[in-house]
N, C-alpha and C. Protein backbone atom coordinates (compact mmCIF):
# COMPACT_ATOMS: atom_id res chain seq x y z
N UNK A 1 -81.87 137.59 -0.91
CA UNK A 1 -82.07 135.84 -1.01
C UNK A 1 -81.42 135.65 -2.36
N UNK A 2 -80.54 134.31 -2.00
CA UNK A 2 -79.77 134.13 -2.92
C UNK A 2 -80.31 133.02 -4.02
N UNK A 3 -80.17 132.67 -5.32
CA UNK A 3 -81.00 132.05 -6.19
C UNK A 3 -81.13 130.58 -5.54
N UNK A 4 -79.99 129.95 -5.04
CA UNK A 4 -80.04 128.71 -4.59
C UNK A 4 -81.10 128.27 -3.37
N UNK A 5 -81.05 129.80 -2.63
CA UNK A 5 -82.14 129.29 -1.37
C UNK A 5 -83.70 129.32 -2.10
N UNK A 6 -83.86 130.44 -2.95
CA UNK A 6 -85.22 130.45 -3.65
C UNK A 6 -85.37 129.11 -4.21
N UNK A 7 -84.50 128.71 -4.70
CA UNK A 7 -84.88 127.36 -5.25
C UNK A 7 -85.14 125.88 -4.71
N UNK A 8 -84.53 125.93 -3.55
CA UNK A 8 -84.78 124.90 -2.50
C UNK A 8 -85.91 125.11 -1.83
N UNK A 9 -86.17 126.64 -1.65
CA UNK A 9 -87.80 127.04 -1.38
C UNK A 9 -88.84 126.59 -1.96
N UNK A 10 -88.82 126.90 -3.11
CA UNK A 10 -89.58 126.37 -4.08
C UNK A 10 -89.71 125.10 -4.18
N UNK A 11 -88.56 124.28 -4.66
CA UNK A 11 -88.80 123.00 -4.39
C UNK A 11 -89.70 122.17 -3.34
N UNK A 12 -89.25 122.77 -2.00
CA UNK A 12 -89.85 122.14 -0.85
C UNK A 12 -91.30 122.49 -0.78
N UNK A 13 -91.82 123.58 -1.35
CA UNK A 13 -92.97 124.02 -1.25
C UNK A 13 -94.01 123.56 -2.38
N UNK A 14 -93.26 123.83 -3.54
CA UNK A 14 -94.36 123.40 -4.63
C UNK A 14 -93.90 122.15 -5.20
N UNK A 15 -93.25 121.44 -4.92
CA UNK A 15 -92.75 120.02 -5.47
C UNK A 15 -93.08 118.96 -4.11
N UNK A 16 -92.33 119.05 -3.28
CA UNK A 16 -92.58 118.01 -2.38
C UNK A 16 -93.95 118.48 -1.59
N UNK A 17 -94.27 119.73 -1.11
CA UNK A 17 -95.46 120.18 -0.23
C UNK A 17 -96.55 119.59 -0.95
N UNK A 18 -96.58 120.03 -2.41
CA UNK A 18 -97.76 120.08 -3.06
C UNK A 18 -98.15 118.18 -3.26
N UNK A 19 -96.94 117.14 -3.58
CA UNK A 19 -96.84 115.90 -3.74
C UNK A 19 -97.35 115.20 -2.45
N UNK A 20 -97.31 115.89 -1.45
CA UNK A 20 -97.39 115.22 0.11
C UNK A 20 -98.99 115.49 0.22
N UNK A 21 -99.43 116.72 -0.13
CA UNK A 21 -101.10 117.13 -0.19
C UNK A 21 -101.74 116.26 -1.25
N UNK A 22 -101.30 116.02 -2.09
CA UNK A 22 -102.13 115.27 -3.19
C UNK A 22 -102.10 113.79 -2.55
N UNK A 23 -100.99 113.34 -2.20
CA UNK A 23 -101.13 112.12 -1.77
C UNK A 23 -101.93 111.64 -0.61
N UNK A 24 -101.75 113.03 0.69
CA UNK A 24 -102.83 112.82 1.78
C UNK A 24 -104.26 112.84 1.16
N UNK A 25 -104.75 113.60 0.07
CA UNK A 25 -105.86 113.62 -0.28
C UNK A 25 -106.36 112.75 -1.05
N UNK A 26 -105.62 112.18 -1.84
CA UNK A 26 -106.17 110.87 -2.52
C UNK A 26 -106.30 109.58 -1.64
N UNK A 27 -105.47 109.60 -0.50
CA UNK A 27 -105.48 108.26 0.44
C UNK A 27 -106.85 108.54 1.56
N UNK A 28 -107.20 109.83 1.57
CA UNK A 28 -107.94 110.19 2.55
C UNK A 28 -109.72 110.41 2.04
N UNK A 29 -109.50 110.93 0.98
CA UNK A 29 -110.93 111.25 -0.01
C UNK A 29 -111.77 110.26 -0.16
N UNK A 30 -112.83 110.44 0.21
CA UNK A 30 -113.84 109.37 -0.44
C UNK A 30 -114.79 109.88 -1.34
N UNK A 31 -115.10 110.99 -1.04
CA UNK A 31 -116.28 111.55 -1.94
C UNK A 31 -115.65 112.89 -2.39
N UNK A 32 -116.17 113.43 -3.59
CA UNK A 32 -115.33 114.54 -4.20
C UNK A 32 -116.49 115.27 -5.12
N UNK A 33 -116.43 116.80 -5.40
CA UNK A 33 -117.56 117.65 -5.97
C UNK A 33 -116.91 117.90 -7.02
N UNK A 34 -115.51 118.29 -7.24
CA UNK A 34 -114.80 118.46 -8.56
C UNK A 34 -115.15 117.20 -9.59
N UNK A 35 -115.24 117.55 -10.77
CA UNK A 35 -115.52 116.64 -11.85
C UNK A 35 -113.84 115.69 -11.99
N UNK A 36 -112.76 116.20 -11.89
CA UNK A 36 -111.47 115.87 -11.97
C UNK A 36 -111.55 114.71 -11.21
N UNK A 37 -111.67 115.59 -9.79
CA UNK A 37 -111.39 114.42 -8.39
C UNK A 37 -112.42 113.44 -8.82
N UNK A 38 -113.68 113.67 -8.87
CA UNK A 38 -114.62 112.45 -8.88
C UNK A 38 -114.20 111.20 -10.37
N UNK A 39 -113.12 111.95 -11.02
CA UNK A 39 -113.06 111.04 -12.06
C UNK A 39 -111.80 110.35 -11.75
N UNK A 40 -110.98 110.98 -10.92
CA UNK A 40 -109.67 110.08 -10.53
C UNK A 40 -109.81 109.18 -9.29
N UNK A 41 -110.52 109.66 -8.52
CA UNK A 41 -110.56 108.97 -7.03
C UNK A 41 -110.76 107.32 -7.12
N UNK A 42 -112.05 107.17 -7.87
CA UNK A 42 -112.13 105.51 -8.28
C UNK A 42 -110.87 104.98 -8.70
N UNK A 43 -110.21 105.38 -9.83
CA UNK A 43 -109.07 104.81 -10.21
C UNK A 43 -108.02 104.73 -9.19
N UNK A 44 -107.99 105.78 -8.54
CA UNK A 44 -106.62 105.85 -7.22
C UNK A 44 -106.84 105.02 -6.54
N UNK A 45 -108.17 105.06 -5.99
CA UNK A 45 -108.65 103.46 -5.08
C UNK A 45 -108.40 102.43 -5.14
N UNK A 46 -108.57 101.85 -6.50
CA UNK A 46 -108.68 100.79 -7.20
C UNK A 46 -107.25 100.35 -7.46
N UNK A 47 -106.16 101.21 -7.33
CA UNK A 47 -104.41 101.25 -7.81
C UNK A 47 -104.22 100.17 -6.86
N UNK A 48 -103.12 99.08 -7.16
CA UNK A 48 -102.30 98.40 -6.01
C UNK A 48 -101.47 99.57 -5.77
N UNK A 49 -100.66 99.03 -4.39
CA UNK A 49 -99.75 99.78 -4.15
C UNK A 49 -98.70 100.40 -5.02
N UNK A 50 -98.21 99.52 -5.71
CA UNK A 50 -96.82 99.86 -7.14
C UNK A 50 -97.57 100.75 -7.81
N UNK A 51 -98.97 100.66 -8.34
CA UNK A 51 -99.82 101.56 -9.11
C UNK A 51 -99.74 102.88 -8.40
N UNK A 52 -100.10 102.97 -7.43
CA UNK A 52 -100.32 104.47 -6.73
C UNK A 52 -98.98 105.04 -6.63
N UNK A 53 -97.81 104.33 -6.20
CA UNK A 53 -96.45 104.68 -6.41
C UNK A 53 -96.11 105.24 -7.63
N UNK A 54 -96.41 104.54 -8.54
CA UNK A 54 -95.95 105.07 -10.06
C UNK A 54 -96.87 106.17 -10.21
N UNK A 55 -98.22 106.09 -10.06
CA UNK A 55 -99.24 107.69 -10.43
C UNK A 55 -98.45 108.65 -9.93
N UNK A 56 -97.82 108.47 -8.13
CA UNK A 56 -97.42 109.64 -7.35
C UNK A 56 -96.39 109.88 -7.90
N UNK A 57 -95.46 109.20 -8.47
CA UNK A 57 -94.09 109.61 -9.58
C UNK A 57 -94.47 110.43 -10.58
N UNK A 58 -95.64 109.78 -11.19
CA UNK A 58 -95.77 110.47 -12.04
C UNK A 58 -96.53 112.27 -12.09
N UNK A 59 -97.09 112.18 -10.96
CA UNK A 59 -97.35 113.50 -10.33
C UNK A 59 -96.02 114.18 -10.09
N UNK A 60 -95.30 113.56 -9.88
CA UNK A 60 -93.87 114.49 -9.17
C UNK A 60 -93.38 114.92 -10.60
N UNK A 61 -93.01 114.24 -11.56
CA UNK A 61 -92.36 114.45 -12.78
C UNK A 61 -93.29 115.41 -13.48
N UNK A 62 -94.51 115.66 -13.29
CA UNK A 62 -95.26 116.88 -13.95
C UNK A 62 -95.08 118.21 -13.19
N UNK A 63 -95.16 117.83 -11.96
CA UNK A 63 -94.88 119.22 -10.96
C UNK A 63 -93.26 119.50 -11.30
N UNK A 64 -92.13 118.95 -11.49
CA UNK A 64 -91.25 119.20 -11.67
C UNK A 64 -90.93 119.99 -12.91
N UNK A 65 -91.70 119.29 -14.38
CA UNK A 65 -91.48 119.65 -15.34
C UNK A 65 -92.03 121.22 -15.44
N UNK A 66 -92.98 121.34 -14.87
CA UNK A 66 -93.96 122.48 -14.91
C UNK A 66 -93.23 123.51 -14.11
N UNK A 67 -92.66 123.53 -13.17
CA UNK A 67 -91.80 124.38 -12.21
C UNK A 67 -90.42 124.63 -13.19
N UNK A 68 -89.65 123.72 -13.82
CA UNK A 68 -88.48 124.12 -14.51
C UNK A 68 -89.08 124.80 -15.75
N UNK A 69 -90.23 124.72 -16.27
CA UNK A 69 -90.40 125.47 -17.26
C UNK A 69 -90.83 127.18 -16.91
N UNK A 70 -91.34 127.08 -15.56
CA UNK A 70 -91.76 128.50 -15.26
C UNK A 70 -90.14 129.14 -15.21
N UNK A 71 -89.74 128.61 -14.50
CA UNK A 71 -88.27 128.79 -14.21
C UNK A 71 -87.50 129.51 -15.34
N UNK A 72 -87.71 128.56 -16.04
CA UNK A 72 -86.67 128.80 -17.68
C UNK A 72 -87.19 130.17 -18.25
N UNK A 73 -88.85 130.35 -18.04
CA UNK A 73 -89.44 131.35 -18.45
C UNK A 73 -88.65 133.07 -17.82
N UNK A 74 -88.82 132.74 -16.56
CA UNK A 74 -88.26 133.95 -15.80
C UNK A 74 -86.93 134.13 -16.10
N UNK A 75 -85.98 133.28 -16.24
CA UNK A 75 -84.65 133.04 -16.69
C UNK A 75 -84.30 133.63 -17.91
N UNK A 76 -85.24 133.66 -18.63
CA UNK A 76 -85.10 134.17 -20.15
C UNK A 76 -84.63 132.97 -21.12
N UNK A 77 -84.48 131.94 -20.65
CA UNK A 77 -83.97 130.39 -21.36
C UNK A 77 -84.87 129.86 -22.01
N UNK A 78 -86.10 130.14 -21.60
CA UNK A 78 -87.55 129.37 -22.48
C UNK A 78 -88.19 130.23 -23.13
N UNK A 79 -88.85 130.00 -24.24
CA UNK A 79 -89.48 130.81 -24.93
C UNK A 79 -90.53 131.01 -24.64
N UNK A 80 -91.54 132.10 -24.41
CA UNK A 80 -92.84 131.85 -24.29
C UNK A 80 -93.62 132.91 -24.78
N UNK A 81 -94.55 132.39 -26.08
CA UNK A 81 -95.18 132.90 -26.84
C UNK A 81 -96.25 134.65 -26.24
N UNK A 82 -95.73 135.87 -26.59
CA UNK A 82 -96.54 136.79 -25.97
C UNK A 82 -95.31 137.55 -24.72
N UNK A 83 -94.52 136.92 -24.39
CA UNK A 83 -93.24 137.51 -23.32
C UNK A 83 -91.99 137.94 -24.30
N UNK A 84 -92.19 139.60 -24.22
CA UNK A 84 -90.96 139.74 -25.16
C UNK A 84 -90.03 140.34 -24.04
N UNK A 85 -90.23 141.00 -23.12
CA UNK A 85 -89.35 141.74 -22.57
C UNK A 85 -88.67 140.81 -21.22
N UNK A 86 -87.39 140.98 -20.81
CA UNK A 86 -86.67 140.38 -19.95
C UNK A 86 -87.29 140.66 -18.39
N UNK A 87 -87.61 139.41 -17.76
CA UNK A 87 -87.73 139.67 -16.44
C UNK A 87 -86.47 139.92 -15.32
N UNK A 88 -86.91 140.57 -14.56
CA UNK A 88 -85.65 140.98 -13.50
C UNK A 88 -86.36 140.79 -12.18
N UNK A 89 -85.69 139.79 -11.42
CA UNK A 89 -86.44 139.15 -10.35
C UNK A 89 -85.45 139.77 -8.98
N UNK A 90 -85.74 140.60 -8.53
CA UNK A 90 -85.12 140.80 -7.13
C UNK A 90 -86.06 140.72 -6.02
N UNK A 91 -85.32 140.59 -4.63
CA UNK A 91 -86.23 140.88 -3.49
C UNK A 91 -86.30 142.37 -3.21
N UNK A 92 -87.26 142.58 -2.28
CA UNK A 92 -87.48 143.47 -1.43
C UNK A 92 -86.31 144.55 -0.80
N UNK A 93 -85.16 143.52 -0.33
CA UNK A 93 -84.09 144.37 0.24
C UNK A 93 -82.76 144.52 -0.50
N UNK A 94 -82.88 143.76 -1.79
CA UNK A 94 -82.11 144.25 -2.91
C UNK A 94 -82.51 144.35 -4.08
N UNK A 95 -81.27 144.92 -4.41
CA UNK A 95 -81.34 145.54 -6.24
C UNK A 95 -80.79 144.13 -6.92
N UNK A 96 -80.10 143.01 -6.37
CA UNK A 96 -79.22 141.99 -7.19
C UNK A 96 -80.45 140.90 -7.61
N UNK A 97 -80.03 140.99 -9.26
CA UNK A 97 -81.02 140.23 -9.75
C UNK A 97 -80.87 138.80 -9.78
N UNK A 98 -81.75 137.82 -9.37
CA UNK A 98 -81.94 136.48 -8.72
C UNK A 98 -81.97 135.30 -9.94
N UNK A 99 -82.64 136.17 -10.84
CA UNK A 99 -83.24 134.99 -11.94
C UNK A 99 -82.11 135.21 -13.36
N UNK A 100 -81.66 134.13 -13.34
CA UNK A 100 -80.79 133.98 -14.78
C UNK A 100 -80.18 132.71 -14.89
N UNK A 101 -80.36 131.61 -13.51
CA UNK A 101 -79.92 130.16 -13.54
C UNK A 101 -80.63 129.47 -12.33
N UNK A 102 -82.13 130.10 -12.42
CA UNK A 102 -83.08 129.54 -11.56
C UNK A 102 -83.52 127.95 -11.90
N UNK A 103 -83.76 127.91 -13.23
CA UNK A 103 -83.85 126.66 -14.08
C UNK A 103 -82.80 125.65 -13.93
N UNK A 104 -81.76 125.99 -14.22
CA UNK A 104 -80.41 124.96 -13.87
C UNK A 104 -80.44 124.60 -12.71
N UNK A 105 -80.48 125.71 -11.70
CA UNK A 105 -80.09 125.41 -10.31
C UNK A 105 -81.29 124.52 -9.57
N UNK A 106 -82.19 124.75 -10.10
CA UNK A 106 -83.26 123.85 -9.77
C UNK A 106 -83.16 122.21 -10.51
N UNK A 107 -82.99 121.94 -11.78
CA UNK A 107 -82.61 121.02 -12.52
C UNK A 107 -81.55 120.09 -11.28
N UNK A 108 -80.40 121.04 -11.29
CA UNK A 108 -79.04 120.45 -10.49
C UNK A 108 -79.65 119.61 -8.86
N UNK A 109 -80.58 120.50 -8.49
CA UNK A 109 -81.21 120.20 -6.98
C UNK A 109 -81.86 119.17 -7.04
N UNK A 110 -82.52 118.71 -8.14
CA UNK A 110 -83.68 117.45 -8.00
C UNK A 110 -82.78 116.23 -8.65
N UNK A 111 -81.95 116.22 -9.18
CA UNK A 111 -81.02 114.95 -9.77
C UNK A 111 -80.34 114.23 -8.49
């Protein structure tokens, strides 16, 4: 697998996929057991359409920043306390290292 392919898949599955899931849950859930969902549902339900769009854009920004940070840690370009060794990410069928520029590739993709 090429790094560009991995980044596209991660973007599709973790950013676009999760955002669609959250939007669907927020738009269709009327009751929740989880305390966080109990707290956000009444707020979201009372949002105007523009406020809902803004809230979802904010969620997307949080997702993008989180994935970018994780990819930076895997690349070795982002410091994480307690990680002192370099990660070597390969696939089952190849010895070729695919993490070095994942964060940069991801950020280029979402721009």
